[in-house]
Amino acid sequence: MSLKFSKKEKLKSRKAIEQLFQARQSVHVFPLRLIWRKLDFPLSQSPAQFAVSVPKRAFAKAVQRNRIKRIIREVYRLNKADFYAALPKEEGQFGCMLLYSGRREPTFAEIEKSLKKLIKILPKKLKTKERKEEKPT
């Protein structure tokens, strides 16, 4: 698997991002919140498309926001194989967004620690979501 963060792996579709926030499927490990949703229509060949957001309210200067986003994308790029392994194989494509919720600029190690915890929690959350969907029928 390539360690590149290619254009095909970036979530850019406004419609898909809106659907992410409507689905309300998320997990939080300070300072990161991962929001995900199985996409109705695959946008590329990759198992997941990914986006990053840092609040303007917490970081008024674009330089700060861009630096945090750069750190998060780099950590994701290096741990992408583990992230893909945590996703169900035959489910299709997932749209994922990482939101930074801290109030100060993080270090690379802090973000990496949080993302690894998220990767461990994600399969459990996906399984509980599947069980909830199966019960009503």
N, C-alpha and C. Protein backbone atom coordinates (compact mmCIF):
# COMPACT_ATOMS: atom_id res chain seq x y z
N MET A 1 0.84 -1.18 0.00
CA MET A 1 0.00 0.00 0.00
C MET A 1 0.88 1.25 0.00
N SER A 2 0.50 2.18 -0.81
CA SER A 2 1.24 3.43 -0.92
C SER A 2 0.98 4.32 0.29
N LEU A 3 2.01 5.02 0.71
CA LEU A 3 1.86 5.94 1.83
C LEU A 3 1.47 7.34 1.36
N LYS A 4 1.16 7.49 0.09
CA LYS A 4 0.74 8.80 -0.41
C LYS A 4 -0.69 9.10 0.03
N PHE A 5 -0.99 10.38 0.15
CA PHE A 5 -2.37 10.82 0.40
C PHE A 5 -2.84 11.43 -0.92
N SER A 6 -3.33 10.55 -1.79
CA SER A 6 -3.62 10.96 -3.17
C SER A 6 -4.92 11.76 -3.26
N LYS A 7 -5.11 12.33 -4.42
CA LYS A 7 -6.30 13.13 -4.68
C LYS A 7 -7.58 12.28 -4.59
N LYS A 8 -7.48 11.00 -4.93
CA LYS A 8 -8.63 10.10 -4.89
C LYS A 8 -9.09 9.82 -3.46
N GLU A 9 -8.21 10.03 -2.49
CA GLU A 9 -8.54 9.76 -1.09
C GLU A 9 -9.07 10.98 -0.35
N LYS A 10 -9.10 12.12 -0.99
CA LYS A 10 -9.57 13.34 -0.35
C LYS A 10 -11.07 13.49 -0.54
N LEU A 11 -11.75 13.77 0.53
CA LEU A 11 -13.20 13.98 0.48
C LEU A 11 -13.46 15.45 0.17
N LYS A 12 -14.01 15.71 -1.01
CA LYS A 12 -14.24 17.08 -1.44
C LYS A 12 -15.70 17.36 -1.77
N SER A 13 -16.48 16.32 -1.95
CA SER A 13 -17.86 16.48 -2.35
C SER A 13 -18.69 17.14 -1.25
N ARG A 14 -19.25 18.27 -1.56
CA ARG A 14 -20.08 19.01 -0.59
C ARG A 14 -21.27 18.17 -0.14
N LYS A 15 -21.85 17.44 -1.08
CA LYS A 15 -23.01 16.60 -0.78
C LYS A 15 -22.62 15.48 0.20
N ALA A 16 -21.47 14.84 -0.03
CA ALA A 16 -21.00 13.77 0.85
C ALA A 16 -20.67 14.30 2.24
N ILE A 17 -20.11 15.50 2.33
CA ILE A 17 -19.77 16.09 3.62
C ILE A 17 -21.05 16.43 4.39
N GLU A 18 -22.06 16.93 3.70
CA GLU A 18 -23.35 17.21 4.35
C GLU A 18 -23.97 15.92 4.89
N GLN A 19 -23.86 14.85 4.14
CA GLN A 19 -24.40 13.56 4.58
C GLN A 19 -23.66 13.05 5.81
N LEU A 20 -22.36 13.32 5.90
CA LEU A 20 -21.59 12.92 7.08
C LEU A 20 -22.18 13.52 8.35
N PHE A 21 -22.47 14.81 8.30
CA PHE A 21 -22.97 15.49 9.48
C PHE A 21 -24.42 15.14 9.79
N GLN A 22 -25.17 14.73 8.80
CA GLN A 22 -26.54 14.29 9.04
C GLN A 22 -26.59 12.91 9.66
N ALA A 23 -25.61 12.06 9.36
CA ALA A 23 -25.60 10.69 9.86
C ALA A 23 -25.32 10.63 11.36
N ARG A 24 -24.55 11.54 11.88
CA ARG A 24 -24.22 11.62 13.31
C ARG A 24 -23.57 10.34 13.84
N GLN A 25 -22.72 9.74 13.08
CA GLN A 25 -21.94 8.60 13.52
C GLN A 25 -20.55 9.10 13.81
N SER A 26 -20.18 9.15 15.07
CA SER A 26 -18.88 9.69 15.40
C SER A 26 -18.31 9.03 16.64
N VAL A 27 -17.02 9.23 16.80
CA VAL A 27 -16.31 8.79 17.98
C VAL A 27 -15.31 9.90 18.33
N HIS A 28 -15.11 10.13 19.62
CA HIS A 28 -14.28 11.24 20.07
C HIS A 28 -13.19 10.74 20.99
N VAL A 29 -11.96 11.07 20.66
CA VAL A 29 -10.80 10.87 21.55
C VAL A 29 -10.07 12.20 21.52
N PHE A 30 -10.06 12.89 22.65
CA PHE A 30 -9.52 14.24 22.68
C PHE A 30 -8.12 14.26 22.10
N PRO A 31 -7.81 15.17 21.22
CA PRO A 31 -8.54 16.31 20.68
C PRO A 31 -9.17 16.06 19.31
N LEU A 32 -9.41 14.81 18.93
CA LEU A 32 -9.95 14.51 17.61
C LEU A 32 -11.34 13.89 17.70
N ARG A 33 -12.20 14.25 16.76
CA ARG A 33 -13.49 13.60 16.60
C ARG A 33 -13.55 13.08 15.17
N LEU A 34 -13.84 11.80 15.04
CA LEU A 34 -13.96 11.17 13.73
C LEU A 34 -15.43 11.00 13.42
N ILE A 35 -15.86 11.57 12.31
CA ILE A 35 -17.24 11.43 11.82
C ILE A 35 -17.15 10.59 10.56
N TRP A 36 -18.01 9.56 10.45
CA TRP A 36 -17.96 8.70 9.28
C TRP A 36 -19.36 8.35 8.82
N ARG A 37 -19.40 7.86 7.59
CA ARG A 37 -20.65 7.39 7.00
C ARG A 37 -20.29 6.55 5.79
N LYS A 38 -21.04 5.49 5.59
CA LYS A 38 -20.87 4.70 4.37
C LYS A 38 -21.48 5.52 3.24
N LEU A 39 -20.69 5.76 2.21
CA LEU A 39 -21.16 6.57 1.10
C LEU A 39 -22.10 5.77 0.21
N ASP A 40 -23.18 6.40 -0.21
CA ASP A 40 -24.17 5.76 -1.06
C ASP A 40 -23.62 5.46 -2.45
N PHE A 41 -22.76 6.33 -2.92
CA PHE A 41 -22.18 6.17 -4.24
C PHE A 41 -20.66 6.30 -4.10
N PRO A 42 -19.90 5.29 -4.54
CA PRO A 42 -18.44 5.38 -4.43
C PRO A 42 -17.90 6.52 -5.29
N LEU A 43 -17.04 7.32 -4.69
CA LEU A 43 -16.48 8.46 -5.41
C LEU A 43 -15.12 8.14 -6.02
N SER A 44 -14.47 7.07 -5.54
CA SER A 44 -13.19 6.65 -6.08
C SER A 44 -12.95 5.19 -5.74
N GLN A 45 -11.76 4.69 -6.02
CA GLN A 45 -11.42 3.30 -5.78
C GLN A 45 -10.97 3.02 -4.35
N SER A 46 -10.61 4.04 -3.59
CA SER A 46 -10.08 3.83 -2.24
C SER A 46 -11.19 3.42 -1.27
N PRO A 47 -10.86 2.68 -0.20
CA PRO A 47 -11.87 2.24 0.76
C PRO A 47 -12.50 3.39 1.55
N ALA A 48 -11.77 4.50 1.67
CA ALA A 48 -12.29 5.64 2.42
C ALA A 48 -11.80 6.93 1.80
N GLN A 49 -12.66 7.93 1.91
CA GLN A 49 -12.24 9.29 1.55
C GLN A 49 -12.21 10.08 2.83
N PHE A 50 -11.29 11.03 2.92
CA PHE A 50 -10.93 11.63 4.18
C PHE A 50 -10.83 13.15 4.04
N ALA A 51 -11.29 13.86 5.08
CA ALA A 51 -11.18 15.32 5.12
C ALA A 51 -10.83 15.74 6.55
N VAL A 52 -10.30 16.95 6.69
CA VAL A 52 -9.89 17.48 8.00
C VAL A 52 -10.50 18.86 8.18
N SER A 53 -10.89 19.16 9.41
CA SER A 53 -11.44 20.47 9.71
C SER A 53 -10.91 20.96 11.06
N VAL A 54 -10.56 22.23 11.11
CA VAL A 54 -10.12 22.88 12.34
C VAL A 54 -10.97 24.14 12.50
N PRO A 55 -11.57 24.36 13.68
CA PRO A 55 -12.50 25.47 13.84
C PRO A 55 -11.82 26.85 13.81
N LYS A 56 -12.46 27.74 13.09
CA LYS A 56 -11.97 29.11 12.99
C LYS A 56 -12.15 29.84 14.33
N ARG A 57 -13.15 29.44 15.09
CA ARG A 57 -13.42 30.06 16.38
C ARG A 57 -12.25 29.86 17.36
N ALA A 58 -11.65 28.68 17.33
CA ALA A 58 -10.55 28.37 18.25
C ALA A 58 -9.22 28.91 17.75
N PHE A 59 -9.04 28.94 16.43
CA PHE A 59 -7.79 29.39 15.83
C PHE A 59 -8.10 30.43 14.77
N ALA A 60 -8.01 31.69 15.15
CA ALA A 60 -8.41 32.78 14.26
C ALA A 60 -7.49 32.92 13.06
N LYS A 61 -6.21 32.61 13.23
CA LYS A 61 -5.26 32.79 12.14
C LYS A 61 -5.20 31.55 11.25
N ALA A 62 -5.29 31.77 9.95
CA ALA A 62 -5.27 30.68 8.99
C ALA A 62 -3.96 29.89 9.06
N VAL A 63 -2.88 30.55 9.41
CA VAL A 63 -1.59 29.87 9.52
C VAL A 63 -1.66 28.76 10.58
N GLN A 64 -2.30 29.06 11.70
CA GLN A 64 -2.43 28.06 12.76
C GLN A 64 -3.32 26.90 12.30
N ARG A 65 -4.46 27.21 11.70
CA ARG A 65 -5.37 26.17 11.24
C ARG A 65 -4.70 25.27 10.21
N ASN A 66 -4.00 25.88 9.27
CA ASN A 66 -3.34 25.10 8.22
C ASN A 66 -2.24 24.21 8.78
N ARG A 67 -1.51 24.68 9.78
CA ARG A 67 -0.46 23.86 10.39
C ARG A 67 -1.07 22.64 11.09
N ILE A 68 -2.16 22.85 11.81
CA ILE A 68 -2.82 21.73 12.50
C ILE A 68 -3.35 20.73 11.48
N LYS A 69 -3.97 21.23 10.40
CA LYS A 69 -4.48 20.33 9.37
C LYS A 69 -3.34 19.55 8.72
N ARG A 70 -2.22 20.20 8.51
CA ARG A 70 -1.07 19.53 7.91
C ARG A 70 -0.56 18.40 8.81
N ILE A 71 -0.52 18.64 10.12
CA ILE A 71 -0.08 17.61 11.07
C ILE A 71 -1.06 16.43 11.06
N ILE A 72 -2.36 16.72 11.08
CA ILE A 72 -3.37 15.66 11.09
C ILE A 72 -3.30 14.82 9.82
N ARG A 73 -3.16 15.47 8.68
CA ARG A 73 -3.06 14.74 7.41
C ARG A 73 -1.82 13.86 7.37
N GLU A 74 -0.71 14.35 7.90
CA GLU A 74 0.53 13.58 7.92
C GLU A 74 0.39 12.35 8.82
N VAL A 75 -0.21 12.51 9.98
CA VAL A 75 -0.43 11.38 10.89
C VAL A 75 -1.35 10.36 10.23
N TYR A 76 -2.40 10.84 9.59
CA TYR A 76 -3.32 9.94 8.88
C TYR A 76 -2.58 9.19 7.77
N ARG A 77 -1.78 9.90 7.02
CA ARG A 77 -1.04 9.29 5.90
C ARG A 77 -0.15 8.16 6.39
N LEU A 78 0.52 8.37 7.52
CA LEU A 78 1.43 7.36 8.05
C LEU A 78 0.70 6.16 8.66
N ASN A 79 -0.53 6.37 9.14
CA ASN A 79 -1.31 5.31 9.78
C ASN A 79 -2.48 4.83 8.93
N LYS A 80 -2.44 5.15 7.66
CA LYS A 80 -3.54 4.83 6.74
C LYS A 80 -3.79 3.33 6.63
N ALA A 81 -2.75 2.53 6.62
CA ALA A 81 -2.91 1.08 6.49
C ALA A 81 -3.70 0.52 7.67
N ASP A 82 -3.41 0.98 8.87
CA ASP A 82 -4.14 0.52 10.06
C ASP A 82 -5.60 0.98 10.00
N PHE A 83 -5.81 2.20 9.51
CA PHE A 83 -7.16 2.74 9.39
C PHE A 83 -7.99 1.90 8.42
N TYR A 84 -7.42 1.57 7.26
CA TYR A 84 -8.12 0.76 6.28
C TYR A 84 -8.40 -0.64 6.81
N ALA A 85 -7.47 -1.18 7.60
CA ALA A 85 -7.66 -2.51 8.18
C ALA A 85 -8.83 -2.51 9.18
N ALA A 86 -9.10 -1.38 9.80
CA ALA A 86 -10.18 -1.27 10.78
C ALA A 86 -11.55 -1.20 10.11
N LEU A 87 -11.60 -0.83 8.85
CA LEU A 87 -12.87 -0.73 8.13
C LEU A 87 -13.32 -2.11 7.64
N PRO A 88 -14.63 -2.38 7.62
CA PRO A 88 -15.12 -3.65 7.08
C PRO A 88 -14.77 -3.77 5.60
N LYS A 89 -14.42 -4.97 5.18
CA LYS A 89 -13.90 -5.18 3.81
C LYS A 89 -14.96 -4.99 2.72
N GLU A 90 -16.11 -5.63 2.85
CA GLU A 90 -17.09 -5.60 1.77
C GLU A 90 -18.16 -4.51 1.93
N GLU A 91 -17.95 -3.59 2.80
CA GLU A 91 -18.97 -2.58 3.08
C GLU A 91 -19.10 -1.52 1.99
N GLY A 92 -18.09 -1.30 1.21
CA GLY A 92 -18.12 -0.22 0.24
C GLY A 92 -17.19 0.88 0.67
N GLN A 93 -17.48 2.09 0.25
CA GLN A 93 -16.60 3.21 0.55
C GLN A 93 -17.15 4.05 1.70
N PHE A 94 -16.26 4.47 2.58
CA PHE A 94 -16.64 5.31 3.70
C PHE A 94 -16.14 6.73 3.48
N GLY A 95 -16.94 7.68 3.94
CA GLY A 95 -16.52 9.07 3.98
C GLY A 95 -16.17 9.37 5.43
N CYS A 96 -15.00 9.95 5.66
CA CYS A 96 -14.54 10.21 7.03
C CYS A 96 -14.05 11.64 7.14
N MET A 97 -14.31 12.24 8.29
CA MET A 97 -13.83 13.60 8.54
C MET A 97 -13.29 13.67 9.96
N LEU A 98 -12.11 14.22 10.09
CA LEU A 98 -11.52 14.42 11.40
C LEU A 98 -11.67 15.89 11.78
N LEU A 99 -12.26 16.13 12.93
CA LEU A 99 -12.42 17.49 13.44
C LEU A 99 -11.49 17.66 14.64
N TYR A 100 -10.76 18.74 14.66
CA TYR A 100 -9.87 19.03 15.79
C TYR A 100 -10.66 19.84 16.80
N SER A 101 -10.68 19.40 18.07
CA SER A 101 -11.49 20.07 19.08
C SER A 101 -10.66 20.70 20.20
N GLY A 102 -9.34 20.70 20.08
CA GLY A 102 -8.50 21.28 21.12
C GLY A 102 -8.47 22.80 21.05
N ARG A 103 -7.89 23.41 22.06
CA ARG A 103 -7.80 24.87 22.12
C ARG A 103 -6.38 25.40 21.92
N ARG A 104 -5.42 24.49 21.83
CA ARG A 104 -4.04 24.91 21.60
C ARG A 104 -3.46 24.08 20.47
N GLU A 105 -2.35 24.55 19.91
CA GLU A 105 -1.72 23.83 18.81
C GLU A 105 -1.13 22.52 19.33
N PRO A 106 -1.47 21.40 18.70
CA PRO A 106 -0.99 20.11 19.17
C PRO A 106 0.40 19.76 18.64
N THR A 107 1.00 18.76 19.25
CA THR A 107 2.24 18.22 18.72
C THR A 107 1.90 17.01 17.85
N PHE A 108 2.84 16.61 17.06
CA PHE A 108 2.68 15.45 16.20
C PHE A 108 2.35 14.21 17.04
N ALA A 109 3.06 14.04 18.16
CA ALA A 109 2.87 12.86 19.02
C ALA A 109 1.47 12.81 19.62
N GLU A 110 0.92 13.96 20.03
CA GLU A 110 -0.44 14.00 20.60
C GLU A 110 -1.48 13.55 19.57
N ILE A 111 -1.35 14.06 18.37
CA ILE A 111 -2.29 13.71 17.31
C ILE A 111 -2.16 12.23 16.95
N GLU A 112 -0.94 11.74 16.87
CA GLU A 112 -0.73 10.34 16.53
C GLU A 112 -1.32 9.41 17.59
N LYS A 113 -1.14 9.76 18.85
CA LYS A 113 -1.69 8.96 19.94
C LYS A 113 -3.22 8.92 19.86
N SER A 114 -3.84 10.06 19.63
CA SER A 114 -5.30 10.14 19.52
C SER A 114 -5.82 9.35 18.32
N LEU A 115 -5.15 9.48 17.18
CA LEU A 115 -5.61 8.78 15.98
C LEU A 115 -5.49 7.27 16.16
N LYS A 116 -4.45 6.80 16.79
CA LYS A 116 -4.29 5.36 17.02
C LYS A 116 -5.40 4.84 17.94
N LYS A 117 -5.79 5.63 18.94
CA LYS A 117 -6.91 5.24 19.80
C LYS A 117 -8.21 5.18 19.00
N LEU A 118 -8.41 6.17 18.13
CA LEU A 118 -9.60 6.17 17.27
C LEU A 118 -9.65 4.94 16.38
N ILE A 119 -8.51 4.55 15.85
CA ILE A 119 -8.45 3.39 14.96
C ILE A 119 -8.81 2.12 15.73
N LYS A 120 -8.44 2.05 17.01
CA LYS A 120 -8.78 0.88 17.82
C LYS A 120 -10.27 0.85 18.16
N ILE A 121 -10.87 2.01 18.37
CA ILE A 121 -12.28 2.10 18.76
C ILE A 121 -13.21 1.94 17.57
N LEU A 122 -12.80 2.36 16.40
CA LEU A 122 -13.66 2.40 15.22
C LEU A 122 -14.34 1.06 14.88
N PRO A 123 -13.63 -0.08 14.84
CA PRO A 123 -14.33 -1.33 14.50
C PRO A 123 -15.45 -1.68 15.48
N LYS A 124 -15.26 -1.39 16.75
CA LYS A 124 -16.29 -1.65 17.76
C LYS A 124 -17.52 -0.79 17.49
N LYS A 125 -17.30 0.47 17.17
CA LYS A 125 -18.41 1.38 16.88
C LYS A 125 -19.15 0.96 15.61
N LEU A 126 -18.41 0.52 14.60
CA LEU A 126 -19.05 0.08 13.37
C LEU A 126 -19.91 -1.15 13.61
N LYS A 127 -19.45 -2.08 14.45
CA LYS A 127 -20.22 -3.29 14.74
C LYS A 127 -21.48 -2.96 15.53
N THR A 128 -21.39 -2.04 16.50
CA THR A 128 -22.58 -1.68 17.28
C THR A 128 -23.59 -0.97 16.38
N LYS A 129 -23.13 -0.19 15.44
CA LYS A 129 -24.01 0.49 14.49
C LYS A 129 -24.75 -0.53 13.62
N GLU A 130 -24.03 -1.57 13.17
CA GLU A 130 -24.66 -2.61 12.35
C GLU A 130 -25.74 -3.34 13.15
N ARG A 131 -25.47 -3.63 14.41
CA ARG A 131 -26.46 -4.32 15.25
C ARG A 131 -27.70 -3.47 15.45
N LYS A 132 -27.53 -2.18 15.64
CA LYS A 132 -28.68 -1.29 15.83
C LYS A 132 -29.53 -1.25 14.58
N GLU A 133 -28.90 -1.30 13.40
CA GLU A 133 -29.66 -1.27 12.15
C GLU A 133 -30.41 -2.59 11.92
N GLU A 134 -29.87 -3.71 12.41
CA GLU A 134 -30.51 -5.01 12.20
C GLU A 134 -31.68 -5.23 13.11
N LYS A 135 -31.72 -4.69 14.31
CA LYS A 135 -32.76 -4.94 15.29
C LYS A 135 -34.16 -4.52 14.84
N PRO A 136 -34.40 -3.36 14.24
CA PRO A 136 -35.76 -2.95 13.87
C PRO A 136 -36.45 -3.89 12.88
N THR A 137 -35.74 -4.62 12.08
CA THR A 137 -36.37 -5.48 11.08
C THR A 137 -36.88 -6.76 11.63
